[in-house]
N, C-alpha and C. Protein backbone atom coordinates (compact mmCIF):
# COMPACT_ATOMS: atom_id res chain seq x y z
N MET A 1 -14.20 -1.05 19.89
CA MET A 1 -13.42 -0.80 18.69
C MET A 1 -12.90 -2.12 18.12
N ALA A 2 -13.05 -2.31 16.82
CA ALA A 2 -12.62 -3.54 16.18
C ALA A 2 -11.09 -3.59 16.09
N ALA A 3 -10.55 -4.79 16.25
CA ALA A 3 -9.11 -4.98 16.14
C ALA A 3 -8.67 -4.83 14.70
N LYS A 4 -7.47 -4.28 14.51
CA LYS A 4 -6.93 -4.08 13.16
C LYS A 4 -5.59 -4.78 13.04
N CYS A 5 -5.27 -5.18 11.82
CA CYS A 5 -3.95 -5.73 11.54
C CYS A 5 -2.98 -4.57 11.38
N THR A 6 -1.89 -4.63 12.09
CA THR A 6 -0.88 -3.57 12.03
C THR A 6 0.28 -3.94 11.10
N HIS A 7 0.09 -4.99 10.29
CA HIS A 7 1.18 -5.48 9.44
C HIS A 7 0.87 -5.40 7.95
N VAL A 8 -0.22 -4.73 7.57
CA VAL A 8 -0.60 -4.72 6.15
C VAL A 8 0.47 -4.09 5.26
N ASP A 9 1.36 -3.29 5.83
CA ASP A 9 2.44 -2.71 5.03
C ASP A 9 3.45 -3.77 4.60
N GLN A 10 3.35 -4.99 5.12
CA GLN A 10 4.28 -6.06 4.77
C GLN A 10 3.75 -6.96 3.66
N ILE A 11 2.56 -6.66 3.13
CA ILE A 11 1.99 -7.46 2.05
C ILE A 11 2.78 -7.19 0.76
N LYS A 12 3.40 -8.24 0.23
CA LYS A 12 4.18 -8.14 -1.00
C LYS A 12 3.66 -9.06 -2.10
N VAL A 13 2.97 -10.14 -1.71
CA VAL A 13 2.50 -11.17 -2.64
C VAL A 13 1.01 -11.39 -2.38
N THR A 14 0.19 -11.28 -3.42
CA THR A 14 -1.25 -11.50 -3.20
C THR A 14 -1.82 -12.65 -4.03
N SER A 15 -0.99 -13.24 -4.91
CA SER A 15 -1.48 -14.38 -5.70
C SER A 15 -0.30 -15.29 -6.03
N THR A 16 -0.63 -16.50 -6.47
CA THR A 16 0.39 -17.49 -6.80
C THR A 16 -0.14 -18.45 -7.86
N ASP A 17 0.77 -19.08 -8.57
CA ASP A 17 0.41 -20.14 -9.50
C ASP A 17 0.48 -21.52 -8.83
N LYS A 18 0.99 -21.57 -7.61
CA LYS A 18 1.13 -22.85 -6.89
C LYS A 18 -0.24 -23.29 -6.38
N HIS A 19 -0.52 -24.57 -6.52
CA HIS A 19 -1.78 -25.12 -6.05
C HIS A 19 -1.55 -26.38 -5.22
N VAL A 20 -0.38 -26.44 -4.58
CA VAL A 20 -0.04 -27.57 -3.71
C VAL A 20 0.70 -27.03 -2.48
N CYS A 21 0.61 -27.79 -1.40
CA CYS A 21 1.47 -27.52 -0.25
C CYS A 21 2.77 -28.26 -0.53
N GLU A 22 3.80 -27.51 -0.87
CA GLU A 22 5.07 -28.14 -1.25
C GLU A 22 5.66 -28.96 -0.12
N ASP A 23 5.45 -28.53 1.13
CA ASP A 23 5.97 -29.29 2.26
C ASP A 23 5.26 -30.64 2.38
N CYS A 24 3.94 -30.66 2.16
CA CYS A 24 3.20 -31.93 2.18
C CYS A 24 3.63 -32.83 1.03
N VAL A 25 3.83 -32.24 -0.16
CA VAL A 25 4.26 -33.03 -1.31
C VAL A 25 5.59 -33.72 -1.00
N LYS A 26 6.53 -32.99 -0.40
CA LYS A 26 7.84 -33.57 -0.04
C LYS A 26 7.68 -34.74 0.92
N MET A 27 6.67 -34.67 1.79
CA MET A 27 6.43 -35.73 2.78
C MET A 27 5.57 -36.86 2.23
N GLY A 28 4.98 -36.64 1.06
CA GLY A 28 4.06 -37.62 0.51
C GLY A 28 2.71 -37.60 1.22
N ASP A 29 2.35 -36.43 1.77
CA ASP A 29 1.11 -36.30 2.52
C ASP A 29 0.11 -35.43 1.77
N THR A 30 -1.07 -35.26 2.33
CA THR A 30 -2.14 -34.47 1.71
C THR A 30 -2.50 -33.30 2.61
N TRP A 31 -3.36 -32.42 2.11
CA TRP A 31 -3.78 -31.23 2.85
C TRP A 31 -5.26 -31.00 2.62
N VAL A 32 -5.83 -30.09 3.42
CA VAL A 32 -7.25 -29.75 3.30
C VAL A 32 -7.41 -28.47 2.48
N HIS A 33 -6.81 -27.36 2.93
CA HIS A 33 -6.88 -26.08 2.23
C HIS A 33 -5.49 -25.46 2.18
N LEU A 34 -5.31 -24.51 1.26
CA LEU A 34 -4.00 -23.88 1.09
C LEU A 34 -4.02 -22.42 1.51
N ARG A 35 -2.90 -21.97 2.08
CA ARG A 35 -2.71 -20.59 2.51
C ARG A 35 -1.42 -20.05 1.91
N LEU A 36 -1.46 -18.78 1.49
CA LEU A 36 -0.32 -18.11 0.87
C LEU A 36 0.26 -17.10 1.84
N CYS A 37 1.56 -17.19 2.10
CA CYS A 37 2.23 -16.16 2.89
C CYS A 37 2.32 -14.92 2.01
N VAL A 38 1.71 -13.81 2.46
CA VAL A 38 1.67 -12.61 1.62
C VAL A 38 2.96 -11.79 1.73
N GLU A 39 3.91 -12.27 2.50
CA GLU A 39 5.21 -11.60 2.54
C GLU A 39 6.21 -12.24 1.58
N CYS A 40 6.27 -13.59 1.53
CA CYS A 40 7.29 -14.24 0.70
C CYS A 40 6.74 -15.16 -0.38
N GLY A 41 5.43 -15.49 -0.34
CA GLY A 41 4.85 -16.34 -1.37
C GLY A 41 4.85 -17.82 -1.05
N HIS A 42 5.29 -18.22 0.13
CA HIS A 42 5.25 -19.64 0.53
C HIS A 42 3.81 -20.11 0.57
N VAL A 43 3.54 -21.29 0.02
CA VAL A 43 2.22 -21.89 0.09
C VAL A 43 2.27 -23.05 1.08
N GLY A 44 1.41 -23.00 2.08
CA GLY A 44 1.35 -24.06 3.08
C GLY A 44 -0.09 -24.46 3.34
N CYS A 45 -0.23 -25.59 4.01
CA CYS A 45 -1.57 -26.10 4.31
C CYS A 45 -2.12 -25.45 5.57
N CYS A 46 -3.44 -25.42 5.66
CA CYS A 46 -4.17 -24.74 6.75
C CYS A 46 -4.11 -25.54 8.05
N ASP A 47 -4.64 -24.95 9.10
CA ASP A 47 -4.64 -25.60 10.41
C ASP A 47 -5.63 -26.76 10.50
N SER A 48 -6.53 -26.91 9.52
CA SER A 48 -7.40 -28.09 9.48
C SER A 48 -6.66 -29.28 8.88
N SER A 49 -5.53 -29.02 8.26
CA SER A 49 -4.69 -30.08 7.70
C SER A 49 -3.81 -30.66 8.80
N GLN A 50 -3.44 -31.91 8.65
CA GLN A 50 -2.66 -32.60 9.68
C GLN A 50 -1.34 -31.89 9.98
N ASN A 51 -0.68 -31.36 8.95
CA ASN A 51 0.68 -30.84 9.14
C ASN A 51 0.76 -29.34 9.46
N LYS A 52 -0.29 -28.59 9.18
CA LYS A 52 -0.36 -27.16 9.53
C LYS A 52 0.88 -26.38 9.07
N HIS A 53 1.27 -26.58 7.81
CA HIS A 53 2.50 -25.96 7.32
C HIS A 53 2.46 -24.44 7.24
N ALA A 54 1.29 -23.84 7.02
CA ALA A 54 1.22 -22.38 6.97
C ALA A 54 1.58 -21.79 8.34
N THR A 55 1.03 -22.36 9.40
CA THR A 55 1.34 -21.88 10.75
C THR A 55 2.79 -22.18 11.11
N LYS A 56 3.30 -23.34 10.70
CA LYS A 56 4.72 -23.66 10.96
C LYS A 56 5.62 -22.65 10.26
N HIS A 57 5.23 -22.24 9.05
CA HIS A 57 6.01 -21.23 8.31
C HIS A 57 6.03 -19.92 9.09
N PHE A 58 4.87 -19.51 9.63
CA PHE A 58 4.82 -18.29 10.44
C PHE A 58 5.74 -18.42 11.65
N ARG A 59 5.68 -19.54 12.35
CA ARG A 59 6.51 -19.70 13.56
C ARG A 59 8.00 -19.66 13.23
N LYS A 60 8.36 -20.19 12.06
CA LYS A 60 9.77 -20.22 11.66
C LYS A 60 10.26 -18.86 11.18
N THR A 61 9.45 -18.16 10.38
CA THR A 61 9.89 -16.94 9.71
C THR A 61 9.40 -15.65 10.37
N LYS A 62 8.33 -15.75 11.17
CA LYS A 62 7.65 -14.59 11.75
C LYS A 62 6.98 -13.72 10.70
N HIS A 63 6.76 -14.24 9.48
CA HIS A 63 5.96 -13.53 8.48
C HIS A 63 4.53 -13.54 9.00
N PRO A 64 3.93 -12.38 9.25
CA PRO A 64 2.70 -12.32 10.05
C PRO A 64 1.40 -12.71 9.38
N MET A 65 1.32 -12.68 8.04
CA MET A 65 0.01 -12.84 7.40
C MET A 65 -0.02 -13.91 6.32
N VAL A 66 -1.17 -14.56 6.22
CA VAL A 66 -1.47 -15.48 5.13
C VAL A 66 -2.81 -15.10 4.54
N ARG A 67 -3.04 -15.55 3.33
CA ARG A 67 -4.38 -15.42 2.75
C ARG A 67 -4.79 -16.77 2.19
N SER A 68 -6.09 -16.99 2.15
CA SER A 68 -6.61 -18.21 1.55
C SER A 68 -6.43 -18.12 0.03
N ILE A 69 -6.01 -19.23 -0.57
CA ILE A 69 -5.97 -19.27 -2.04
C ILE A 69 -6.96 -20.31 -2.56
N GLU A 70 -7.96 -20.58 -1.73
CA GLU A 70 -9.03 -21.48 -2.14
C GLU A 70 -9.97 -20.72 -3.08
N PRO A 71 -10.50 -21.41 -4.11
CA PRO A 71 -11.41 -20.74 -5.05
C PRO A 71 -12.58 -20.08 -4.33
N GLY A 72 -12.85 -18.83 -4.68
CA GLY A 72 -13.98 -18.10 -4.12
C GLY A 72 -13.73 -17.47 -2.76
N GLU A 73 -12.54 -17.67 -2.19
CA GLU A 73 -12.23 -17.08 -0.89
C GLU A 73 -11.29 -15.89 -1.06
N ASP A 74 -11.55 -14.81 -0.35
CA ASP A 74 -10.78 -13.57 -0.51
C ASP A 74 -10.44 -12.97 0.85
N TRP A 75 -10.03 -13.81 1.79
CA TRP A 75 -9.73 -13.35 3.13
C TRP A 75 -8.32 -13.77 3.53
N GLY A 76 -7.83 -13.14 4.55
CA GLY A 76 -6.53 -13.49 5.09
C GLY A 76 -6.57 -13.46 6.60
N TRP A 77 -5.43 -13.80 7.20
CA TRP A 77 -5.32 -13.87 8.65
C TRP A 77 -3.98 -13.31 9.08
N CYS A 78 -3.99 -12.48 10.11
CA CYS A 78 -2.76 -12.00 10.71
C CYS A 78 -2.54 -12.80 11.99
N TYR A 79 -1.48 -13.59 12.01
CA TYR A 79 -1.18 -14.43 13.18
C TYR A 79 -0.85 -13.58 14.41
N ILE A 80 -0.16 -12.47 14.22
CA ILE A 80 0.28 -11.66 15.35
C ILE A 80 -0.89 -10.90 15.98
N ASP A 81 -1.67 -10.20 15.15
CA ASP A 81 -2.80 -9.42 15.67
C ASP A 81 -4.06 -10.26 15.87
N GLU A 82 -4.05 -11.50 15.33
CA GLU A 82 -5.19 -12.42 15.42
C GLU A 82 -6.48 -11.81 14.90
N VAL A 83 -6.38 -11.25 13.68
CA VAL A 83 -7.55 -10.66 13.01
C VAL A 83 -7.58 -11.07 11.54
N MET A 84 -8.79 -11.05 11.00
CA MET A 84 -8.97 -11.30 9.55
C MET A 84 -8.49 -10.07 8.80
N ILE A 85 -7.95 -10.31 7.60
CA ILE A 85 -7.54 -9.22 6.72
C ILE A 85 -8.13 -9.47 5.34
N GLY A 86 -8.16 -8.43 4.51
CA GLY A 86 -8.71 -8.54 3.17
C GLY A 86 -9.94 -7.65 3.07
N PRO A 87 -10.63 -7.65 1.99
CA PRO A 87 -10.42 -8.50 0.81
C PRO A 87 -9.18 -8.11 0.00
N PHE A 88 -8.74 -9.07 -0.82
CA PHE A 88 -7.53 -8.87 -1.62
C PHE A 88 -7.83 -8.51 -3.06
N SER A 89 -9.08 -8.62 -3.48
CA SER A 89 -9.38 -8.34 -4.89
C SER A 89 -9.67 -6.86 -5.11
């Protein structure tokens, strides 16, 4: 049986106008890809980025899910259940 995300009822935000990792901008650093917290709208950098702000946001807030906001990508990730979520369109 495939694993399922048990937190989809917490999705409140599915899109954003932000196209930067605000935490990296404050540090004067760069990122690889961006992830959107679908609970509060925080935009952070992915785990391929040096600072891993999306995962740090999860550890701090316990908001369980992010989605990619990269062009052409329509997937998300649940940190708690460790499964892909989506599509969001």
